[in-house]
Amino acid sequence: MRLLYKLKRLEEGDFTYIQGNFPPVFCGGDGLNVWDCEGKRYIDLSSFLGVSILGHSPEFIKREAGKGFFHGMGDLIPSREKIELLEKLSELLGGEWKGMLVQNGSDAVEACLRTAYLYRGRGKIIAFEGAYHGTGLGALSPTQGKKFRGRFKEILPFETEFFPFSEDALGEIGKRAGAGNITAVLIEPIQGRAGIRIAQIGLLRGLREISDRFKVPLVFDELYTGFYKTGAPFAKDKFRVEPDLIAIGKALTTAFPLSACMGKKWIMDAWGKSSGEASYTYTFSGNPFFCRVALRALEEYKRINAKGKAEEIGTWIEELSSPLIEKKLIGERRGTGIIWGFDFGKPNEGYKTFRHLLERGWITIPSGLKGEVLEIIPPLIVSREILEEFFRELISQLASKNRPI
């Protein structure tokens, strides 16, 4: 309580929502377990917004930290780790990819949009209703939510036109692209903050065709879906649709701020050659220690067969959550691999359920355009027994309310 009071006094008021002794203040984590500063244990089924999908304080990070580390020189002097990571990412994406390492999701999305701009020139960005790409000004431009962009819309750098997140929009998108003045088409194959809304295959394939026909770069924001969460290395592999540019991060290191804009060589070459100083860089871009951790994370994904593990967990979740549908305790269930959303169909019900579960020691994610969805993204180390316990708790809680949808 004292820590929350101190936070309320020190942090700008729009950042952390504080009500009484909510939220808890975390002080440590190991595996699936997280402890607050009062000593209460929680079980993490959120991977902390899709980052820590190998659990908290994994041994490979402890080993790397024990080897020592140094800060990088950004774009001035490269490190071996940076070069090796770019090579591994290119291979994982399918080869023939180039890119740049930056710091967070907003940076990666903006790097993709800047690349498209250098390739196509100034024009509109085509994005989708429910889109969330970050809150940096470049990434905020194609982010739809009024609560994110409302106060800053007059200073956003990329003019954006939003379309329905449906293949029904393809005809109108094709007309816009055919008329010219389009810089890029940007889409999340699975919208995370909007409540795990999964793009129709027809929409993704249709966008690929439009992009090919009119030479407009197709950009996938896979910050949320990347690194085996869908049961494939990336959602592009799951849906078998190739973008021209892709933004990745979050589970890249599972712990540290490192992201990347990767693209096909022909489009990344639009940046030209260096004249001695990069035109888009950050102090911690390609930090050697972060890159080293990312390399070890990629090895760990391979060691545990992350693809197979995510598919297995997805099967467990589908089975164990079936009573939610059968008993009409939720309106809809959406998901694949370890990414799942349970839609109550009522505003704020996802948030209310999140609050209740947190009190009971479970960490989940409230989401949806109206707070109507409860998300889980369990780490790949989760057991079936833990999931069984969680769904018993969730079903019991919802059934006790006697509120069929």
Protein backbone atom coordinates (compact mmCIF):
# COMPACT_ATOMS: atom_id res chain seq x y z
CA MET A 1 0.00 0.00 0.00
CA ARG A 2 2.84 2.39 0.85
CA LEU A 3 4.47 1.67 -2.51
CA LEU A 4 1.25 2.45 -4.37
CA TYR A 5 0.90 5.70 -2.47
CA LYS A 6 4.47 6.59 -3.43
CA LEU A 7 3.80 5.67 -7.09
CA LYS A 8 0.68 7.82 -7.14
CA ARG A 9 2.75 10.72 -5.86
CA LEU A 10 5.67 10.22 -8.27
CA GLU A 11 4.20 8.99 -11.57
CA GLU A 12 2.04 10.97 -13.98
CA GLY A 13 -1.56 10.05 -13.29
CA ASP A 14 -2.53 8.60 -16.68
CA PHE A 15 -0.04 5.72 -16.55
CA THR A 16 -0.98 3.29 -13.75
CA TYR A 17 -4.59 2.85 -12.63
CA ILE A 18 -4.62 2.81 -8.82
CA GLN A 19 -7.66 2.08 -6.67
CA GLY A 20 -7.14 1.35 -3.00
CA ASN A 21 -4.63 -1.50 -2.75
CA PHE A 22 -4.97 -2.38 -6.44
CA PRO A 23 -2.85 -3.25 -8.35
CA PRO A 24 -0.33 -5.42 -6.51
CA VAL A 25 3.31 -4.39 -6.80
CA PHE A 26 5.49 -7.25 -8.05
CA CYS A 27 8.91 -7.89 -6.53
CA GLY A 28 10.13 -11.10 -8.17
CA GLY A 29 9.42 -14.02 -10.44
CA ASP A 30 10.65 -17.50 -11.25
CA GLY A 31 9.18 -19.87 -13.82
CA LEU A 32 5.39 -19.48 -13.77
CA ASN A 33 5.49 -17.90 -10.31
CA VAL A 34 5.45 -14.20 -9.51
CA TRP A 35 5.44 -12.67 -6.02
CA ASP A 36 4.18 -9.30 -4.91
CA CYS A 37 5.97 -7.23 -2.30
CA GLU A 38 3.64 -8.57 0.41
CA GLY A 39 4.81 -12.11 -0.34
CA LYS A 40 1.68 -13.31 -2.16
CA ARG A 41 2.29 -15.80 -4.99
CA TYR A 42 0.63 -15.54 -8.40
CA ILE A 43 0.65 -17.93 -11.35
CA ASP A 44 1.39 -16.16 -14.62
CA LEU A 45 -0.79 -17.12 -17.58
CA SER A 46 -0.10 -13.86 -19.42
CA SER A 47 3.63 -14.18 -20.17
CA PHE A 48 3.50 -10.52 -19.15
CA LEU A 49 1.82 -9.39 -22.39
CA GLY A 50 3.42 -12.10 -24.50
CA VAL A 51 7.03 -11.43 -23.56
CA SER A 52 8.12 -14.05 -21.02
CA ILE A 53 6.96 -17.16 -22.87
CA LEU A 54 9.89 -19.18 -21.49
CA GLY A 55 8.97 -18.21 -17.94
CA HIS A 56 10.50 -15.71 -15.52
CA SER A 57 14.20 -15.74 -14.59
CA PRO A 58 15.04 -18.60 -16.97
CA GLU A 59 18.39 -20.28 -16.45
CA PHE A 60 19.76 -19.32 -19.88
CA ILE A 61 19.48 -15.63 -19.03
CA LYS A 62 21.17 -16.15 -15.65
CA ARG A 63 24.02 -17.94 -17.42
CA GLU A 64 24.44 -15.17 -19.97
CA ALA A 65 24.41 -12.46 -17.28
CA GLY A 66 27.11 -14.37 -15.42
CA LYS A 67 29.41 -14.12 -18.43
CA GLY A 68 29.49 -10.34 -18.19
CA PHE A 69 28.33 -7.80 -20.72
CA PHE A 70 29.19 -4.48 -22.31
CA HIS A 71 27.13 -1.72 -23.87
CA GLY A 72 27.15 -1.45 -27.64
CA MET A 73 28.04 1.43 -29.94
CA GLY A 74 24.76 1.43 -31.83
CA ASP A 75 25.29 2.20 -35.51
CA LEU A 76 28.93 3.25 -35.02
CA ILE A 77 30.73 -0.02 -34.18
CA PRO A 78 28.88 -3.35 -34.51
CA SER A 79 29.13 -6.31 -32.17
CA ARG A 80 29.48 -9.96 -33.13
CA GLU A 81 26.21 -10.71 -31.33
CA LYS A 82 24.31 -8.21 -33.47
CA ILE A 83 25.59 -9.78 -36.69
CA GLU A 84 24.83 -13.32 -35.50
CA LEU A 85 21.30 -12.38 -34.42
CA LEU A 86 20.45 -10.73 -37.74
CA GLU A 87 21.68 -13.88 -39.48
CA LYS A 88 19.56 -16.15 -37.26
CA LEU A 89 16.46 -14.00 -37.71
CA SER A 90 16.89 -14.02 -41.48
CA GLU A 91 17.14 -17.81 -41.43
CA LEU A 92 14.11 -18.19 -39.15
CA LEU A 93 12.04 -15.95 -41.42
CA GLY A 94 12.96 -18.07 -44.43
CA GLY A 95 16.20 -16.55 -45.73
CA GLU A 96 16.84 -13.54 -47.96
CA TRP A 97 15.72 -11.07 -45.27
CA LYS A 98 17.59 -7.98 -44.06
CA GLY A 99 16.74 -5.74 -41.16
CA MET A 100 17.57 -3.41 -38.34
CA LEU A 101 17.53 -3.96 -34.59
CA VAL A 102 15.76 -1.35 -32.49
CA GLN A 103 14.31 -1.20 -28.97
CA ASN A 104 10.56 -1.76 -28.69
CA GLY A 105 7.39 -2.43 -30.63
CA SER A 106 6.70 1.15 -31.62
CA ASP A 107 10.25 1.51 -32.94
CA ALA A 108 9.95 -1.65 -35.04
CA VAL A 109 6.60 -0.63 -36.54
CA GLU A 110 7.87 2.85 -37.32
CA ALA A 111 10.98 1.37 -38.93
CA CYS A 112 8.72 -0.72 -41.19
CA LEU A 113 6.66 2.33 -42.14
CA ARG A 114 9.78 4.41 -42.79
CA THR A 115 11.12 1.63 -45.00
CA ALA A 116 7.87 1.57 -46.95
CA TYR A 117 8.02 5.35 -47.27
CA LEU A 118 11.56 5.24 -48.66
CA TYR A 119 10.43 2.61 -51.15
CA ARG A 120 7.06 4.09 -52.19
CA GLY A 121 7.16 7.75 -51.24
CA ARG A 122 4.63 9.67 -49.19
CA GLY A 123 1.06 8.40 -49.15
CA LYS A 124 -1.57 6.94 -46.88
CA ILE A 125 -1.15 3.93 -44.66
CA ILE A 126 -3.94 1.39 -44.92
CA ALA A 127 -4.69 -0.08 -41.48
CA PHE A 128 -7.60 -1.79 -39.78
CA GLU A 129 -10.31 -1.18 -37.22
CA GLY A 130 -9.17 -2.41 -33.82
CA ALA A 131 -5.49 -2.00 -34.71
CA TYR A 132 -2.91 -1.43 -32.01
CA HIS A 133 0.69 -0.89 -33.15
CA GLY A 134 2.17 1.12 -30.29
CA THR A 135 2.11 4.60 -28.85
CA GLY A 136 5.21 6.20 -30.37
CA LEU A 137 3.97 8.80 -32.88
CA GLY A 138 4.94 6.74 -35.94
CA ALA A 139 3.22 3.60 -34.63
CA LEU A 140 0.34 5.58 -33.18
CA SER A 141 -0.64 6.84 -36.64
CA PRO A 142 -2.11 3.44 -37.69
CA THR A 143 -3.36 2.65 -34.15
CA GLN A 144 -7.10 3.17 -34.12
CA GLY A 145 -8.16 3.40 -30.48
CA LYS A 146 -9.40 6.89 -29.58
CA LYS A 147 -7.98 6.62 -26.07
CA PHE A 148 -4.49 6.23 -27.55
CA ARG A 149 -4.52 8.64 -30.47
CA GLY A 150 -7.29 11.11 -29.59
CA ARG A 151 -5.18 13.77 -27.89
CA PHE A 152 -2.32 13.48 -30.37
CA LYS A 153 -4.05 13.06 -33.74
CA GLU A 154 -3.03 16.53 -34.93
CA ILE A 155 0.69 15.66 -34.76
CA LEU A 156 0.70 12.12 -36.16
CA PRO A 157 3.19 11.77 -39.05
CA PHE A 158 1.51 9.08 -41.20
CA GLU A 159 -1.91 9.73 -42.67
CA THR A 160 -3.91 6.56 -42.15
CA GLU A 161 -7.19 5.19 -43.48
CA PHE A 162 -8.86 2.44 -41.45
CA PHE A 163 -10.84 -0.42 -42.96
CA PRO A 164 -12.96 -3.19 -41.41
CA PHE A 165 -10.91 -6.16 -40.17
CA SER A 166 -12.64 -8.41 -42.71
CA GLU A 167 -12.15 -9.74 -46.22
CA ASP A 168 -15.28 -7.76 -47.12
CA ALA A 169 -13.01 -4.70 -47.15
CA LEU A 170 -10.77 -6.06 -49.92
CA GLY A 171 -12.75 -4.48 -52.76
CA GLU A 172 -12.46 -0.98 -51.33
CA ILE A 173 -8.80 -1.51 -50.37
CA GLY A 174 -8.07 -2.62 -53.93
CA LYS A 175 -9.67 0.56 -55.30
CA ARG A 176 -7.60 2.73 -52.96
CA ALA A 177 -4.38 0.95 -53.88
CA GLY A 178 -5.22 1.12 -57.57
CA ALA A 179 -5.74 4.86 -57.34
CA GLY A 180 -2.19 5.26 -56.02
CA ASN A 181 -0.96 7.36 -53.11
CA ILE A 182 -0.66 4.36 -50.76
CA THR A 183 2.61 3.87 -48.84
CA ALA A 184 1.88 0.54 -47.15
CA VAL A 185 -0.75 -1.89 -45.94
CA LEU A 186 -0.22 -2.68 -42.24
CA ILE A 187 -2.00 -5.49 -40.40
CA GLU A 188 -1.77 -7.64 -37.28
CA PRO A 189 -2.49 -11.24 -38.34
CA ILE A 190 -4.01 -11.60 -34.88
CA GLN A 191 -5.14 -8.43 -33.14
CA GLY A 192 -3.99 -8.70 -29.53
CA ARG A 193 -5.26 -5.66 -27.67
CA ALA A 194 -8.55 -5.84 -29.58
CA GLY A 195 -9.24 -9.24 -28.00
CA ILE A 196 -7.46 -11.96 -30.05
CA ARG A 197 -9.30 -11.21 -33.27
CA ILE A 198 -7.86 -13.55 -35.89
CA ALA A 199 -7.61 -12.31 -39.47
CA GLN A 200 -9.48 -14.33 -42.06
CA ILE A 201 -7.21 -16.24 -44.40
CA GLY A 202 -9.08 -14.64 -47.27
CA LEU A 203 -8.23 -11.18 -45.96
CA LEU A 204 -4.51 -11.91 -45.68
CA ARG A 205 -4.34 -13.60 -49.08
CA GLY A 206 -6.34 -10.79 -50.64
CA LEU A 207 -3.97 -8.18 -49.21
CA ARG A 208 -1.02 -10.14 -50.59
CA GLU A 209 -2.60 -10.09 -54.07
CA ILE A 210 -3.34 -6.36 -53.86
CA SER A 211 0.19 -5.64 -52.71
CA ASP A 212 1.65 -7.66 -55.59
CA ARG A 213 -0.64 -6.04 -58.14
CA PHE A 214 0.03 -2.45 -57.12
CA LYS A 215 3.57 -2.79 -55.69
CA VAL A 216 2.45 -1.62 -52.25
CA PRO A 217 4.46 -3.13 -49.36
CA LEU A 218 2.50 -5.49 -47.13
CA VAL A 219 3.58 -5.12 -43.49
CA PHE A 220 2.81 -7.63 -40.74
CA ASP A 221 2.96 -6.48 -37.13
CA GLU A 222 3.98 -9.72 -35.40
CA LEU A 223 5.17 -8.24 -32.13
CA TYR A 224 2.39 -10.10 -30.35
CA THR A 225 2.26 -13.27 -32.45
CA GLY A 226 5.93 -13.93 -33.17
CA PHE A 227 8.15 -16.71 -31.85
CA TYR A 228 5.95 -19.80 -31.84
CA LYS A 229 2.95 -18.39 -29.99
CA THR A 230 0.64 -19.52 -32.81
CA GLY A 231 2.26 -22.97 -33.10
CA ALA A 232 4.51 -21.73 -35.92
CA PRO A 233 7.63 -19.52 -35.89
CA PHE A 234 5.45 -16.60 -36.99
CA ALA A 235 1.80 -16.11 -37.86
CA LYS A 236 2.89 -15.62 -41.47
CA ASP A 237 3.99 -19.26 -41.43
CA LYS A 238 0.77 -20.36 -39.73
CA PHE A 239 -1.36 -18.62 -42.36
CA ARG A 240 1.09 -19.19 -45.23
CA VAL A 241 1.03 -15.57 -46.35
CA GLU A 242 4.35 -13.73 -46.78
CA PRO A 243 4.63 -10.03 -45.97
CA ASP A 244 7.26 -7.73 -47.42
CA LEU A 245 8.12 -6.27 -44.01
CA ILE A 246 7.61 -7.64 -40.51
CA ALA A 247 7.88 -6.07 -37.04
CA ILE A 248 9.00 -8.48 -34.31
CA GLY A 249 9.98 -8.19 -30.66
CA LYS A 250 8.54 -9.07 -27.23
CA ALA A 251 9.41 -12.81 -27.03
CA LEU A 252 12.58 -12.19 -29.05
CA THR A 253 14.53 -11.95 -25.78
CA THR A 254 11.69 -12.97 -23.38
CA ALA A 255 12.91 -10.29 -20.97
CA PHE A 256 14.68 -7.27 -22.48
CA PRO A 257 13.74 -4.40 -24.83
CA LEU A 258 14.91 -5.55 -28.25
CA SER A 259 12.87 -5.53 -31.44
CA ALA A 260 13.47 -5.65 -35.17
CA CYS A 261 12.16 -4.48 -38.49
CA MET A 262 12.92 -7.20 -41.02
CA GLY A 263 12.18 -7.04 -44.71
CA LYS A 264 12.89 -8.64 -48.04
CA LYS A 265 16.23 -7.46 -49.37
CA TRP A 266 14.78 -5.58 -52.31
CA ILE A 267 12.73 -3.33 -50.04
CA MET A 268 15.29 -2.86 -47.24
CA ASP A 269 17.77 -1.66 -49.85
CA ALA A 270 15.62 1.47 -50.18
CA TRP A 271 17.59 2.84 -47.22
CA GLY A 272 20.69 3.08 -49.42
CA LYS A 273 24.26 2.89 -48.16
CA SER A 274 25.63 4.40 -44.98
CA SER A 275 27.54 7.65 -45.24
CA GLY A 276 28.97 7.19 -41.75
CA GLU A 277 25.93 7.87 -39.57
CA ALA A 278 22.57 6.07 -39.52
CA SER A 279 19.40 8.10 -40.12
CA TYR A 280 17.30 5.84 -37.87
CA THR A 281 18.96 4.53 -34.73
CA TYR A 282 18.64 4.39 -30.94
CA THR A 283 21.15 4.34 -28.09
CA PHE A 284 20.34 0.72 -27.23
CA SER A 285 19.78 -0.53 -30.79
CA GLY A 286 21.39 -3.96 -31.10
CA ASN A 287 22.69 -3.94 -27.53
CA PRO A 288 25.20 -6.84 -27.45
CA PHE A 289 23.88 -8.40 -24.24
CA PHE A 290 20.27 -8.20 -25.41
CA CYS A 291 21.32 -9.77 -28.72
CA ARG A 292 23.16 -12.53 -26.88
CA VAL A 293 20.08 -13.29 -24.79
CA ALA A 294 17.97 -13.35 -27.97
CA LEU A 295 20.36 -15.85 -29.55
CA ARG A 296 20.10 -18.10 -26.50
CA ALA A 297 16.29 -17.73 -26.53
CA LEU A 298 16.19 -18.92 -30.15
CA GLU A 299 18.29 -21.91 -29.13
CA GLU A 300 15.94 -22.61 -26.23
CA TYR A 301 12.90 -22.53 -28.52
CA LYS A 302 14.56 -25.15 -30.65
CA ARG A 303 15.66 -27.25 -27.66
CA ILE A 304 12.15 -27.52 -26.18
CA ASN A 305 10.46 -27.88 -29.60
CA ALA A 306 8.48 -24.66 -29.09
CA LYS A 307 6.35 -25.31 -32.16
CA GLY A 308 5.17 -28.68 -30.89
CA LYS A 309 4.81 -27.41 -27.33
CA ALA A 310 2.61 -24.48 -28.41
CA GLU A 311 0.42 -26.81 -30.44
CA GLU A 312 0.07 -29.18 -27.46
CA ILE A 313 -0.84 -26.34 -25.09
CA GLY A 314 -3.36 -25.06 -27.62
CA THR A 315 -5.03 -28.48 -27.67
CA TRP A 316 -5.21 -28.50 -23.86
CA ILE A 317 -6.73 -25.01 -23.74
CA GLU A 318 -9.30 -25.83 -26.40
CA GLU A 319 -10.38 -28.93 -24.48
CA LEU A 320 -10.34 -27.42 -20.99
CA SER A 321 -12.17 -24.24 -22.02
CA SER A 322 -14.98 -26.09 -23.82
CA PRO A 323 -17.30 -25.93 -20.77
CA LEU A 324 -17.22 -22.13 -21.08
CA ILE A 325 -18.95 -22.51 -24.43
CA GLU A 326 -21.17 -25.44 -23.46
CA LYS A 327 -22.46 -23.69 -20.34
CA LYS A 328 -22.84 -20.41 -22.25
CA LEU A 329 -20.55 -18.63 -19.80
CA ILE A 330 -18.87 -16.73 -22.64
CA GLY A 331 -20.05 -15.59 -26.02
CA GLU A 332 -17.06 -16.62 -28.12
CA ARG A 333 -13.65 -18.28 -27.83
CA ARG A 334 -10.82 -17.36 -30.20
CA GLY A 335 -7.26 -18.60 -30.30
CA THR A 336 -4.47 -20.78 -31.58
CA GLY A 337 -1.30 -22.11 -29.99
CA ILE A 338 -0.81 -20.32 -26.68
CA ILE A 339 -2.78 -17.15 -27.60
CA TRP A 340 -6.44 -17.26 -26.52
CA GLY A 341 -9.24 -14.80 -25.91
CA PHE A 342 -12.55 -15.45 -24.16
CA ASP A 343 -15.17 -12.94 -25.24
CA PHE A 344 -18.00 -12.23 -22.79
CA GLY A 345 -19.87 -10.00 -25.21
CA LYS A 346 -20.44 -7.42 -22.47
CA PRO A 347 -18.40 -4.24 -21.86
CA ASN A 348 -15.86 -4.46 -19.02
CA GLU A 349 -16.62 -8.10 -18.20
CA GLY A 350 -13.13 -9.14 -19.28
CA TYR A 351 -11.61 -6.51 -16.99
CA LYS A 352 -13.84 -7.48 -14.07
CA THR A 353 -12.89 -11.14 -14.50
CA PHE A 354 -9.21 -10.19 -14.69
CA ARG A 355 -9.53 -8.32 -11.37
CA HIS A 356 -11.23 -11.26 -9.67
CA LEU A 357 -8.70 -13.78 -10.97
CA LEU A 358 -5.82 -11.56 -9.86
CA GLU A 359 -7.22 -11.54 -6.35
CA ARG A 360 -7.28 -15.35 -6.55
CA GLY A 361 -3.62 -15.46 -7.63
CA TRP A 362 -3.93 -15.78 -11.42
CA ILE A 363 -2.36 -13.29 -13.86
CA THR A 364 -4.32 -12.89 -17.10
CA ILE A 365 -4.90 -9.99 -19.52
CA PRO A 366 -8.03 -7.87 -19.97
CA SER A 367 -8.55 -6.77 -23.57
CA GLY A 368 -11.12 -6.12 -26.27
CA LEU A 369 -12.37 -2.88 -27.76
CA LYS A 370 -14.73 -2.46 -24.78
CA GLY A 371 -12.91 -4.51 -22.16
CA GLU A 372 -15.11 -7.48 -22.97
CA VAL A 373 -12.36 -10.08 -23.45
CA LEU A 374 -10.15 -12.06 -21.08
CA GLU A 375 -6.86 -13.21 -22.63
CA ILE A 376 -4.33 -15.81 -21.66
CA ILE A 377 -0.88 -16.35 -23.16
CA PRO A 378 0.59 -19.04 -20.89
CA PRO A 379 4.36 -19.55 -21.01
CA LEU A 380 5.53 -22.61 -22.94
CA ILE A 381 6.57 -24.19 -19.64
CA VAL A 382 2.98 -24.40 -18.36
CA SER A 383 1.66 -27.85 -17.41
CA ARG A 384 -1.72 -29.33 -18.15
CA GLU A 385 -2.33 -29.57 -14.39
CA ILE A 386 -1.91 -25.81 -13.97
CA LEU A 387 -4.33 -25.15 -16.83
CA GLU A 388 -6.84 -27.58 -15.37
CA GLU A 389 -6.68 -25.72 -12.06
CA PHE A 390 -7.10 -22.36 -13.82
CA PHE A 391 -10.13 -23.36 -15.85
CA ARG A 392 -11.79 -24.93 -12.80
CA GLU A 393 -11.36 -21.56 -11.08
CA LEU A 394 -12.62 -19.59 -14.08
CA ILE A 395 -15.62 -21.83 -14.75
CA SER A 396 -16.56 -21.85 -11.07
CA GLN A 397 -16.33 -18.09 -10.86
CA LEU A 398 -18.43 -17.49 -13.96
CA ALA A 399 -21.00 -20.16 -13.16
CA SER A 400 -21.52 -18.71 -9.71
CA LYS A 401 -22.63 -15.46 -11.29
CA ASN A 402 -25.40 -17.32 -13.16
CA ARG A 403 -25.21 -14.94 -16.12
CA PRO A 404 -25.59 -16.82 -19.44
CA ILE A 405 -24.71 -14.72 -22.46
